[in-house]
Amino acid sequence: MRYVITGRNIDVTEGLKAAIYEKIGKLERYFAEDTEVLVTLSVEKDRQKIEVTIPVKGKVIRSEQVSSDMYVAIDLVEEIIERQLKKYKTKIVDKKQSGVFTEEYVEKDFEEEDAIKIVRSKRFGLKPMDAEEACIQMELLGHSFYVFRNADTDEVNVVYKRKGNTYGLIEPEY
């Protein structure tokens, strides 16, 4: 695995890098050698935060943890990612997905005071998938909704998390 480690308001020391390589390295058996692991460490007041994103075969495995100690946060994020991988490994392997995940982050600030202020805009490729795959991807990302292209209808759909660990599907009506 290839690691891209960045720090915001923190110097990434060799000790932090070693802890990341040790903890996240335990997960190498789940990924190909050329898999890129994006790690962002940040500090805000007493909050030590780590974000780990691993794009793999059209899916994104992501976790973020906050603690008063960065090493504790690293331990927590590793546990979360490993739990996600174990939970969804069989479903992901069975789907035999192919394609390249592409995502662009574009930040836009608008100067007009009366206008609606959009502070972040995301662009990403919509790979066709079924609703079950979209729910899996939503869980892997830790989000409460997920936008996807339905492989059956070729329409853009949204799945969302409901109370009671159930899911909803929004389909367009023309």
Protein backbone atom coordinates (compact mmCIF):
# COMPACT_ATOMS: atom_id res chain seq x y z
CA MET A 1 0.00 0.00 0.00
CA ARG A 2 1.12 3.53 -0.73
CA TYR A 3 0.53 6.07 2.01
CA VAL A 4 -0.16 9.76 1.45
CA ILE A 5 0.06 11.35 4.89
CA THR A 6 -0.72 15.04 5.34
CA GLY A 7 -1.02 17.21 8.39
CA ARG A 8 -3.15 20.28 9.10
CA ASN A 9 -1.96 22.40 11.99
CA ILE A 10 0.35 19.56 12.98
CA ASP A 11 3.85 18.42 12.08
CA VAL A 12 3.70 14.78 11.03
CA THR A 13 6.53 13.26 13.06
CA GLU A 14 8.32 10.01 12.34
CA GLY A 15 6.59 8.53 15.42
CA LEU A 16 3.15 9.36 14.00
CA LYS A 17 4.12 7.94 10.61
CA ALA A 18 5.40 4.76 12.26
CA ALA A 19 2.14 4.37 14.20
CA ILE A 20 0.11 4.84 11.01
CA TYR A 21 2.24 2.34 9.06
CA GLU A 22 1.95 -0.17 11.91
CA LYS A 23 -1.80 0.13 12.50
CA ILE A 24 -3.07 0.66 8.94
CA GLY A 25 -0.43 -1.79 7.69
CA LYS A 26 -2.34 -4.56 9.48
CA LEU A 27 -5.01 -4.12 6.80
CA GLU A 28 -2.67 -4.72 3.85
CA ARG A 29 -3.97 -8.28 3.41
CA TYR A 30 -7.30 -6.82 2.24
CA PHE A 31 -5.81 -4.61 -0.50
CA ALA A 32 -3.62 -4.79 -3.59
CA GLU A 33 -0.04 -3.53 -3.32
CA ASP A 34 -0.72 -0.39 -5.37
CA THR A 35 -3.68 0.71 -3.21
CA GLU A 36 -3.34 4.32 -2.11
CA VAL A 37 -4.18 5.20 1.50
CA LEU A 38 -4.95 8.88 2.12
CA VAL A 39 -4.34 9.88 5.74
CA THR A 40 -5.01 13.38 7.04
CA LEU A 41 -4.05 14.35 10.58
CA SER A 42 -5.36 17.60 12.03
CA VAL A 43 -5.41 19.43 15.32
CA GLU A 44 -7.98 21.99 16.46
CA LYS A 45 -7.63 23.13 20.08
CA ASP A 46 -7.75 19.90 22.11
CA ARG A 47 -9.16 17.80 19.26
CA GLN A 48 -6.77 15.41 17.53
CA LYS A 49 -8.41 14.12 14.35
CA ILE A 50 -7.41 11.47 11.81
CA GLU A 51 -9.19 10.82 8.52
CA VAL A 52 -8.37 7.73 6.45
CA THR A 53 -9.71 7.27 2.92
CA ILE A 54 -8.97 4.22 0.80
CA PRO A 55 -10.40 4.24 -2.75
CA VAL A 56 -10.55 0.69 -4.07
CA LYS A 57 -12.30 -0.70 -7.19
CA GLY A 58 -15.04 1.87 -7.40
CA LYS A 59 -15.66 1.87 -3.65
CA VAL A 60 -14.37 4.16 -0.94
CA ILE A 61 -13.55 2.95 2.52
CA ARG A 62 -13.41 5.88 4.91
CA SER A 63 -13.26 6.58 8.60
CA GLU A 64 -12.52 9.58 10.75
CA GLN A 65 -11.91 9.62 14.48
CA VAL A 66 -11.37 12.38 17.04
CA SER A 67 -9.59 12.01 20.36
CA SER A 68 -7.52 14.03 22.79
CA ASP A 69 -4.53 11.83 21.82
CA MET A 70 -3.53 11.26 18.18
CA TYR A 71 -2.24 7.74 18.87
CA VAL A 72 -5.61 6.76 20.37
CA ALA A 73 -7.35 8.21 17.31
CA ILE A 74 -5.07 6.13 15.05
CA ASP A 75 -6.00 2.97 16.99
CA LEU A 76 -9.71 3.80 16.76
CA VAL A 77 -9.67 4.50 13.02
CA GLU A 78 -7.86 1.22 12.34
CA GLU A 79 -10.48 -0.72 14.31
CA ILE A 80 -13.34 0.97 12.45
CA ILE A 81 -11.85 0.31 9.00
CA GLU A 82 -11.11 -3.31 9.86
CA ARG A 83 -14.68 -3.79 11.11
CA GLN A 84 -16.04 -2.25 7.89
CA LEU A 85 -13.85 -4.50 5.79
CA LYS A 86 -14.87 -7.66 7.62
CA LYS A 87 -18.54 -6.72 7.45
CA TYR A 88 -18.61 -5.97 3.74
CA LYS A 89 -15.76 -8.07 2.37
CA THR A 90 -17.94 -10.90 1.08
CA LYS A 91 -20.46 -8.52 -0.51
CA ILE A 92 -17.77 -6.48 -2.24
CA VAL A 93 -15.94 -9.54 -3.56
CA ASP A 94 -19.18 -11.08 -4.84
CA LYS A 95 -20.10 -8.02 -6.86
CA LYS A 96 -16.86 -8.18 -8.91
CA GLN A 97 -16.86 -4.50 -9.60
CA SER A 98 -14.58 -2.83 -12.05
CA GLY A 99 -13.94 0.75 -12.97
CA VAL A 100 -11.90 3.58 -11.67
CA PHE A 101 -13.18 5.82 -8.91
CA THR A 102 -12.69 9.45 -9.70
CA GLU A 103 -13.57 12.27 -7.41
CA GLU A 104 -12.84 15.97 -7.61
CA TYR A 105 -13.26 18.40 -4.82
CA VAL A 106 -13.99 21.94 -5.86
CA GLU A 107 -14.42 24.63 -3.26
CA LYS A 108 -16.34 27.75 -4.23
CA ASP A 109 -16.98 30.86 -2.21
CA PHE A 110 -19.57 33.38 -3.32
CA GLU A 111 -19.19 37.03 -2.43
CA GLU A 112 -22.82 38.06 -2.69
CA GLU A 113 -24.41 38.36 0.74
CA ASP A 114 -27.97 37.69 -0.44
CA ALA A 115 -27.10 34.58 -2.45
CA ILE A 116 -27.17 31.08 -1.06
CA LYS A 117 -23.63 30.33 -0.04
CA ILE A 118 -22.29 27.03 -1.33
CA VAL A 119 -19.00 26.42 0.42
CA ARG A 120 -18.13 23.05 -1.09
CA SER A 121 -19.02 21.26 -4.28
CA LYS A 122 -18.22 17.63 -5.08
CA ARG A 123 -17.92 15.94 -8.43
CA PHE A 124 -17.63 12.21 -8.79
CA GLY A 125 -18.19 9.51 -11.37
CA LEU A 126 -21.53 7.74 -11.13
CA LYS A 127 -20.79 4.08 -11.69
CA PRO A 128 -23.92 2.02 -12.39
CA MET A 129 -24.87 -0.19 -9.42
CA ASP A 130 -27.93 -1.63 -7.79
CA ALA A 131 -29.56 -0.22 -4.64
CA GLU A 132 -27.97 -2.86 -2.39
CA GLU A 133 -24.47 -1.93 -3.60
CA ALA A 134 -25.30 1.75 -3.01
CA CYS A 135 -26.32 0.96 0.58
CA ILE A 136 -23.04 -0.89 1.11
CA GLN A 137 -21.08 2.06 -0.29
CA MET A 138 -23.05 4.48 1.92
CA GLU A 139 -22.19 2.40 5.00
CA LEU A 140 -18.52 2.22 4.01
CA LEU A 141 -18.40 6.00 3.73
CA GLY A 142 -20.29 6.50 6.97
CA HIS A 143 -22.81 8.80 5.31
CA SER A 144 -26.57 9.00 5.81
CA PHE A 145 -27.36 9.13 2.07
CA TYR A 146 -25.70 8.15 -1.21
CA VAL A 147 -26.31 9.26 -4.82
CA PHE A 148 -25.80 6.61 -7.52
CA ARG A 149 -26.78 5.61 -11.05
CA ASN A 150 -29.21 2.69 -10.96
CA ALA A 151 -27.87 -0.11 -13.18
CA ASP A 152 -31.40 -1.37 -13.93
CA THR A 153 -33.03 1.93 -14.93
CA ASP A 154 -29.94 4.05 -15.78
CA GLU A 155 -31.50 6.83 -13.65
CA VAL A 156 -29.86 8.78 -10.86
CA ASN A 157 -31.20 7.53 -7.51
CA VAL A 158 -30.56 8.22 -3.83
CA VAL A 159 -30.49 5.74 -0.97
CA TYR A 160 -30.75 7.02 2.58
CA LYS A 161 -30.62 5.67 6.09
CA ARG A 162 -33.84 5.59 8.10
CA LYS A 163 -34.52 5.05 11.76
CA GLY A 164 -34.42 1.45 12.91
CA ASN A 165 -31.50 0.49 10.64
CA THR A 166 -33.66 0.50 7.51
CA TYR A 167 -33.00 2.16 4.15
CA GLY A 168 -35.01 4.25 1.74
CA LEU A 169 -34.69 4.69 -2.02
CA ILE A 170 -35.56 7.85 -3.94
CA GLU A 171 -36.26 7.41 -7.65
CA PRO A 172 -37.07 10.23 -10.06
CA GLU A 173 -40.58 10.54 -11.42
CA TYR A 174 -41.00 12.25 -14.78
